[in-house]
Amino acid sequence: MNSESQQITNYTEQATAVLDMLDLKLGTQRVRPVSGHNTSLLLPCRGTDGRPFLLKYFIPPAEGKFYPAGVNIEDYARREGAFYRFLDSVDPERTMLPAPRTILIDSTDPPRWILLEWIEPAIGPAEEILGTEHVFDLIARMREVQLDMLLGRRYFPLNHWDVVSYVDRVRLMYEDVIEGIGDERWRRTLEFFTEATRWTEARPQTLVHGDFTEQNIMVDSEGRPFLVDFERIGIGNLDHDFAWLWIHSERSQSFKRTLLERYFGGRFGSDRIKAEWGIRSALVYLALRRLRFGAMMEDQADINSASNIALLDAALRGGGDLFPV
């Protein structure tokens, strides 16, 4: 067993101990065992009356492990715990924003775990279950959340996903990516963000999921969409979540083209241009982040370097290279 597998085993034992403390038994439902960015474990479980739940156990920072500049691994747990507490205070029945209801949250800071209601997923491939209507319904609901209710809450390290924040993060990546992208691309990247700021700085901000992918959208057995995994929740760029889902989707190009056409539908003139700048900004940031993590891989070549540089170049250029007609 390698060291990573051993760590997962150790964390699973710790999470199982939490189940014992809560008088819960490990369930048999199938879920992905680890969150998308390997910061938490997901354990289906049942109460003594047979009621199903989901325990989300946050993986603590690994001793001696190097994390990129600006990354505080404990903030993932703080953000998710704070966001569920926020929902409990303003939307306990989740009529405003479809998400699992909270059963219990660990009282420590940061919380070690959250116990959530179990949502029975629809059975079948994602291509048949998750449709464009689900995607745009959730985006619309996120935009309806009033941000003033979020700001100023204690122990809530909200992420910021606006263009200026992208630039701040990108500057921290310089030493990791410069060898791979070269001085010319780096110069064009900074010039790009200067222009992107002009187009987007006056736009209103919105609630941003931060990891809005098909893996974090669940459709239940009645066909209702739910959002899960709020470890990167924040505020900022109106187009961030759409850009994230669009570029991460592994579905056909025709499906992705349909998504894009639907998103741009009804946008004309400067509104359309601003949306393009918003999407491009998110993708430039994403491409550089991928390249940074690739460069940080120890003793391994980054096999995705070429594709991520191609994404970076396409996002910097915009137009037909990125947005097919």
Protein backbone atom coordinates (compact mmCIF):
# COMPACT_ATOMS: atom_id res chain seq x y z
CA MET A 1 0.00 0.00 0.00
CA ASN A 2 1.49 3.37 -0.99
CA SER A 3 1.63 6.31 1.38
CA GLU A 4 -1.39 8.07 -0.18
CA SER A 5 -3.55 4.94 0.12
CA GLN A 6 -2.38 4.51 3.71
CA GLN A 7 -3.37 8.10 4.50
CA ILE A 8 -6.85 7.59 3.03
CA THR A 9 -7.19 4.44 5.14
CA ASN A 10 -6.15 6.36 8.26
CA TYR A 11 -8.59 9.18 7.54
CA THR A 12 -11.37 6.67 6.88
CA GLU A 13 -10.73 5.15 10.28
CA GLN A 14 -10.94 8.61 11.86
CA ALA A 15 -14.21 9.32 10.03
CA THR A 16 -15.60 5.94 11.11
CA ALA A 17 -14.80 6.88 14.70
CA VAL A 18 -16.99 9.98 14.23
CA LEU A 19 -19.82 7.71 13.04
CA ASP A 20 -19.43 5.63 16.20
CA MET A 21 -19.53 8.79 18.33
CA LEU A 22 -22.77 9.86 16.61
CA ASP A 23 -24.25 6.35 16.93
CA LEU A 24 -24.36 5.93 13.14
CA LYS A 25 -23.56 2.92 11.04
CA LEU A 26 -21.69 2.93 7.73
CA GLY A 27 -24.21 2.77 4.88
CA THR A 28 -24.16 0.83 1.66
CA GLN A 29 -25.07 3.66 -0.74
CA ARG A 30 -22.51 4.37 -3.43
CA VAL A 31 -20.82 7.77 -3.54
CA ARG A 32 -17.41 8.94 -4.68
CA PRO A 33 -15.23 8.34 -1.59
CA VAL A 34 -13.13 11.52 -1.86
CA SER A 35 -14.13 15.06 -2.79
CA GLY A 36 -13.05 16.45 -6.16
CA HIS A 37 -10.01 18.25 -4.75
CA ASN A 38 -9.06 15.56 -2.19
CA THR A 39 -9.86 17.68 0.85
CA SER A 40 -12.61 15.53 2.36
CA LEU A 41 -14.02 12.02 2.63
CA LEU A 42 -17.67 11.21 1.93
CA LEU A 43 -19.26 8.41 3.96
CA PRO A 44 -22.89 7.32 3.55
CA CYS A 45 -24.32 6.25 6.88
CA ARG A 46 -27.57 5.35 8.69
CA GLY A 47 -29.13 6.17 12.03
CA THR A 48 -30.52 3.60 14.43
CA ASP A 49 -33.94 4.07 12.79
CA GLY A 50 -32.50 3.37 9.34
CA ARG A 51 -32.62 7.00 8.20
CA PRO A 52 -29.82 7.69 5.68
CA PHE A 53 -27.27 10.49 6.04
CA LEU A 54 -23.97 11.56 4.51
CA LEU A 55 -20.94 12.35 6.66
CA LYS A 56 -18.41 14.72 5.11
CA TYR A 57 -15.10 14.36 6.94
CA PHE A 58 -12.49 17.02 6.20
CA ILE A 59 -8.94 15.82 5.67
CA PRO A 60 -6.56 17.81 7.91
CA PRO A 61 -3.40 19.40 6.51
CA ALA A 62 -0.69 16.79 6.04
CA GLU A 63 2.30 17.37 8.27
CA GLY A 64 5.32 18.46 6.27
CA LYS A 65 3.37 18.74 3.01
CA PHE A 66 4.05 21.79 0.85
CA TYR A 67 0.99 23.80 -0.21
CA PRO A 68 1.08 26.50 -2.90
CA ALA A 69 1.38 30.13 -1.86
CA GLY A 70 -1.98 31.53 -0.82
CA VAL A 71 -3.54 28.12 -0.07
CA ASN A 72 -4.81 27.50 3.46
CA ILE A 73 -6.17 23.95 3.47
CA GLU A 74 -8.17 24.52 6.68
CA ASP A 75 -10.21 27.25 4.99
CA TYR A 76 -11.99 24.64 2.85
CA ALA A 77 -13.67 23.24 5.95
CA ARG A 78 -14.32 26.71 7.39
CA ARG A 79 -15.99 27.87 4.17
CA GLU A 80 -18.26 24.88 3.85
CA GLY A 81 -19.24 24.89 7.50
CA ALA A 82 -19.93 28.63 7.42
CA PHE A 83 -21.98 28.36 4.24
CA TYR A 84 -24.19 25.60 5.63
CA ARG A 85 -24.72 27.69 8.76
CA PHE A 86 -25.64 30.60 6.52
CA LEU A 87 -28.19 28.47 4.67
CA ASP A 88 -29.59 27.20 7.96
CA SER A 89 -30.19 30.79 9.09
CA VAL A 90 -31.80 32.12 5.90
CA ASP A 91 -33.02 29.05 4.00
CA PRO A 92 -33.35 26.01 6.30
CA GLU A 93 -35.69 24.17 3.91
CA ARG A 94 -33.43 24.96 0.92
CA THR A 95 -36.19 26.55 -1.13
CA MET A 96 -33.88 29.40 -2.20
CA LEU A 97 -30.81 27.35 -3.07
CA PRO A 98 -31.20 23.58 -3.50
CA ALA A 99 -28.56 21.91 -1.31
CA PRO A 100 -28.53 19.12 1.29
CA ARG A 101 -30.01 20.11 4.63
CA THR A 102 -27.70 20.22 7.62
CA ILE A 103 -28.11 17.68 10.40
CA LEU A 104 -25.05 18.45 12.56
CA ILE A 105 -21.82 20.45 12.20
CA ASP A 106 -18.76 19.79 14.33
CA SER A 107 -18.26 22.70 16.74
CA THR A 108 -14.47 22.93 16.45
CA ASP A 109 -12.66 25.49 14.31
CA PRO A 110 -12.18 24.44 11.62
CA PRO A 111 -14.97 21.85 11.72
CA ARG A 112 -13.74 18.28 11.30
CA TRP A 113 -17.01 17.05 9.80
CA ILE A 114 -20.53 17.91 8.67
CA LEU A 115 -23.48 15.50 8.79
CA LEU A 116 -25.92 16.11 5.93
CA GLU A 117 -29.21 14.69 4.79
CA TRP A 118 -28.96 11.94 2.22
CA ILE A 119 -30.29 12.85 -1.22
CA GLU A 120 -31.32 9.81 -3.23
CA PRO A 121 -29.72 10.26 -6.65
CA ALA A 122 -31.42 9.47 -9.91
CA ILE A 123 -30.17 6.29 -11.53
CA GLY A 124 -28.50 6.44 -14.92
CA PRO A 125 -25.68 8.16 -16.80
CA ALA A 126 -25.18 11.89 -16.26
CA GLU A 127 -25.86 12.56 -19.94
CA GLU A 128 -29.43 11.37 -19.44
CA ILE A 129 -30.00 12.79 -15.96
CA LEU A 130 -28.33 16.19 -15.88
CA GLY A 131 -29.58 18.59 -18.55
CA THR A 132 -29.04 22.20 -19.52
CA GLU A 133 -32.19 23.29 -17.67
CA HIS A 134 -30.71 22.00 -14.41
CA VAL A 135 -27.49 23.90 -15.04
CA PHE A 136 -29.13 27.22 -15.80
CA ASP A 137 -31.67 26.86 -12.99
CA LEU A 138 -28.86 26.52 -10.45
CA ILE A 139 -26.89 29.43 -11.94
CA ALA A 140 -30.01 31.60 -11.74
CA ARG A 141 -30.62 30.59 -8.12
CA MET A 142 -27.03 31.41 -7.16
CA ARG A 143 -27.45 34.88 -8.63
CA GLU A 144 -30.60 35.47 -6.59
CA VAL A 145 -28.76 35.14 -3.26
CA GLN A 146 -28.29 38.59 -1.73
CA LEU A 147 -24.61 39.05 -1.02
CA ASP A 148 -25.11 41.49 1.84
CA MET A 149 -26.43 38.57 3.90
CA LEU A 150 -23.08 36.79 3.49
CA LEU A 151 -20.63 39.60 4.14
CA GLY A 152 -19.29 40.24 7.61
CA ARG A 153 -20.03 36.78 9.02
CA ARG A 154 -17.49 35.46 11.50
CA TYR A 155 -15.18 32.58 10.58
CA PHE A 156 -16.23 32.71 6.94
CA PRO A 157 -13.14 33.08 4.71
CA LEU A 158 -15.12 33.78 1.54
CA ASN A 159 -13.23 33.15 -1.67
CA HIS A 160 -13.06 36.03 -4.13
CA TRP A 161 -13.48 35.11 -7.77
CA ASP A 162 -13.39 38.54 -9.45
CA VAL A 163 -10.84 39.44 -12.12
CA VAL A 164 -8.62 41.41 -9.73
CA SER A 165 -8.48 38.36 -7.44
CA TYR A 166 -7.51 36.17 -10.39
CA VAL A 167 -4.58 38.51 -11.02
CA ASP A 168 -3.50 38.37 -7.37
CA ARG A 169 -3.45 34.56 -7.50
CA VAL A 170 -1.75 34.48 -10.89
CA ARG A 171 1.11 36.69 -9.69
CA LEU A 172 1.82 34.12 -6.96
CA MET A 173 2.24 31.48 -9.69
CA TYR A 174 5.04 33.28 -11.54
CA GLU A 175 7.98 31.17 -10.38
CA ASP A 176 6.10 27.91 -11.01
CA VAL A 177 4.84 28.65 -14.53
CA ILE A 178 7.31 31.02 -16.14
CA GLU A 179 9.62 28.27 -17.39
CA GLY A 180 6.71 26.48 -19.05
CA ILE A 181 4.95 29.47 -20.66
CA GLY A 182 7.84 31.86 -21.28
CA ASP A 183 8.21 35.61 -20.81
CA GLU A 184 6.11 36.55 -23.85
CA ARG A 185 3.01 34.64 -22.68
CA TRP A 186 3.45 36.00 -19.18
CA ARG A 187 3.54 39.55 -20.55
CA ARG A 188 0.43 38.92 -22.66
CA THR A 189 -1.32 37.44 -19.61
CA LEU A 190 -0.76 40.57 -17.54
CA GLU A 191 -1.86 42.80 -20.43
CA PHE A 192 -4.95 40.61 -20.86
CA PHE A 193 -5.98 41.05 -17.22
CA THR A 194 -5.48 44.81 -17.44
CA GLU A 195 -7.98 44.95 -20.31
CA ALA A 196 -10.30 42.39 -18.66
CA THR A 197 -10.47 44.54 -15.54
CA ARG A 198 -11.67 47.51 -17.61
CA TRP A 199 -14.52 45.44 -19.07
CA THR A 200 -15.62 43.74 -15.86
CA GLU A 201 -14.90 46.02 -12.89
CA ALA A 202 -18.28 47.79 -13.04
CA ARG A 203 -20.33 44.58 -13.27
CA PRO A 204 -22.28 43.45 -10.20
CA GLN A 205 -20.85 40.54 -8.26
CA THR A 206 -22.68 37.31 -7.57
CA LEU A 207 -22.47 34.26 -5.34
CA VAL A 208 -19.91 31.89 -6.88
CA HIS A 209 -19.81 28.17 -6.14
CA GLY A 210 -16.16 28.00 -7.13
CA ASP A 211 -16.17 24.37 -8.27
CA PHE A 212 -19.31 24.31 -10.40
CA THR A 213 -18.84 21.04 -12.28
CA GLU A 214 -21.12 18.17 -13.19
CA GLN A 215 -19.60 16.17 -10.32
CA ASN A 216 -20.94 18.73 -7.84
CA ILE A 217 -24.47 18.85 -9.27
CA MET A 218 -26.73 16.08 -8.08
CA VAL A 219 -30.11 15.30 -9.61
CA ASP A 220 -32.39 13.41 -7.25
CA SER A 221 -34.82 10.60 -8.04
CA GLU A 222 -37.55 13.20 -8.71
CA GLY A 223 -35.44 15.08 -11.24
CA ARG A 224 -34.56 18.03 -9.00
CA PRO A 225 -30.99 19.47 -9.15
CA PHE A 226 -28.95 20.06 -5.99
CA LEU A 227 -25.58 21.69 -5.45
CA VAL A 228 -23.00 20.02 -3.21
CA ASP A 229 -19.42 20.71 -2.10
CA PHE A 230 -19.18 24.35 -1.00
CA GLU A 231 -15.51 24.32 -0.01
CA ARG A 232 -14.70 27.05 -2.55
CA ILE A 233 -17.81 29.20 -2.10
CA GLY A 234 -17.28 32.91 -2.63
CA ILE A 235 -18.37 36.00 -4.48
CA GLY A 236 -17.28 37.61 -7.71
CA ASN A 237 -17.33 37.06 -11.46
CA LEU A 238 -20.82 36.50 -12.92
CA ASP A 239 -19.36 34.10 -15.48
CA HIS A 240 -17.03 32.05 -13.29
CA ASP A 241 -19.34 29.12 -12.55
CA PHE A 242 -20.52 28.78 -16.13
CA ALA A 243 -16.93 28.90 -17.42
CA TRP A 244 -15.91 26.24 -14.90
CA LEU A 245 -18.67 23.82 -15.92
CA TRP A 246 -18.28 24.50 -19.64
CA ILE A 247 -14.55 23.83 -19.76
CA HIS A 248 -14.57 20.87 -17.33
CA SER A 249 -17.42 19.05 -19.08
CA GLU A 250 -16.32 15.88 -20.83
CA ARG A 251 -19.46 15.67 -22.92
CA SER A 252 -19.64 16.07 -26.69
CA GLN A 253 -18.68 19.29 -28.43
CA SER A 254 -22.27 19.67 -29.61
CA PHE A 255 -23.49 19.65 -25.99
CA LYS A 256 -20.88 22.20 -24.99
CA ARG A 257 -21.78 24.36 -27.98
CA THR A 258 -25.45 24.20 -26.94
CA LEU A 259 -24.47 25.31 -23.43
CA LEU A 260 -22.54 28.27 -24.81
CA GLU A 261 -25.30 29.32 -27.19
CA ARG A 262 -27.83 29.18 -24.36
CA TYR A 263 -25.56 31.22 -22.08
CA PHE A 264 -24.96 33.92 -24.69
CA GLY A 265 -28.57 33.94 -25.85
CA GLY A 266 -30.15 37.35 -25.31
CA ARG A 267 -26.78 39.03 -24.73
CA PHE A 268 -25.91 41.72 -27.25
CA GLY A 269 -23.41 44.51 -27.64
CA SER A 270 -21.35 45.35 -24.55
CA ASP A 271 -23.27 42.82 -22.43
CA ARG A 272 -22.07 40.02 -24.70
CA ILE A 273 -18.51 41.39 -24.76
CA LYS A 274 -18.40 41.63 -20.96
CA ALA A 275 -19.60 38.04 -20.65
CA GLU A 276 -16.86 36.91 -23.02
CA TRP A 277 -14.23 38.75 -20.97
CA GLY A 278 -15.62 37.19 -17.79
CA ILE A 279 -15.41 33.67 -19.21
CA ARG A 280 -11.97 34.24 -20.72
CA SER A 281 -10.63 35.60 -17.43
CA ALA A 282 -11.78 32.53 -15.52
CA LEU A 283 -10.21 30.24 -18.12
CA VAL A 284 -6.87 32.08 -18.19
CA TYR A 285 -6.74 31.68 -14.41
CA LEU A 286 -7.73 28.00 -14.64
CA ALA A 287 -5.12 27.21 -17.32
CA LEU A 288 -2.34 28.81 -15.28
CA ARG A 289 -3.46 27.05 -12.12
CA ARG A 290 -3.34 23.70 -13.92
CA LEU A 291 0.11 24.51 -15.26
CA ARG A 292 1.31 25.45 -11.78
CA PHE A 293 0.17 22.15 -10.28
CA GLY A 294 1.72 20.30 -13.20
CA ALA A 295 5.04 22.06 -12.59
CA MET A 296 4.88 21.19 -8.89
CA MET A 297 4.58 17.45 -9.51
CA GLU A 298 7.68 15.83 -8.10
CA ASP A 299 9.70 13.66 -10.50
CA GLN A 300 6.84 13.50 -12.99
CA ALA A 301 6.39 15.11 -16.36
CA ASP A 302 3.22 17.15 -16.81
CA ILE A 303 1.48 15.22 -19.58
CA ASN A 304 -1.26 17.87 -19.76
CA SER A 305 1.08 20.81 -20.22
CA ALA A 306 0.50 21.17 -23.97
CA SER A 307 -3.30 21.10 -23.68
CA ASN A 308 -3.29 23.63 -20.84
CA ILE A 309 -0.98 25.98 -22.76
CA ALA A 310 -3.39 25.64 -25.71
CA LEU A 311 -6.28 26.58 -23.39
CA LEU A 312 -4.30 29.55 -22.11
CA ASP A 313 -3.54 30.75 -25.64
CA ALA A 314 -7.16 30.33 -26.78
CA ALA A 315 -8.48 32.23 -23.75
CA LEU A 316 -5.97 35.03 -24.27
CA ARG A 317 -7.00 35.39 -27.93
CA GLY A 318 -10.74 34.87 -27.52
CA GLY A 319 -12.89 35.03 -30.63
CA GLY A 320 -13.48 31.93 -32.74
CA ASP A 321 -10.50 30.15 -31.18
CA LEU A 322 -12.46 29.88 -27.96
CA PHE A 323 -16.09 30.58 -28.81
CA PRO A 324 -17.19 28.61 -31.90
CA VAL A 325 -19.74 30.37 -34.07
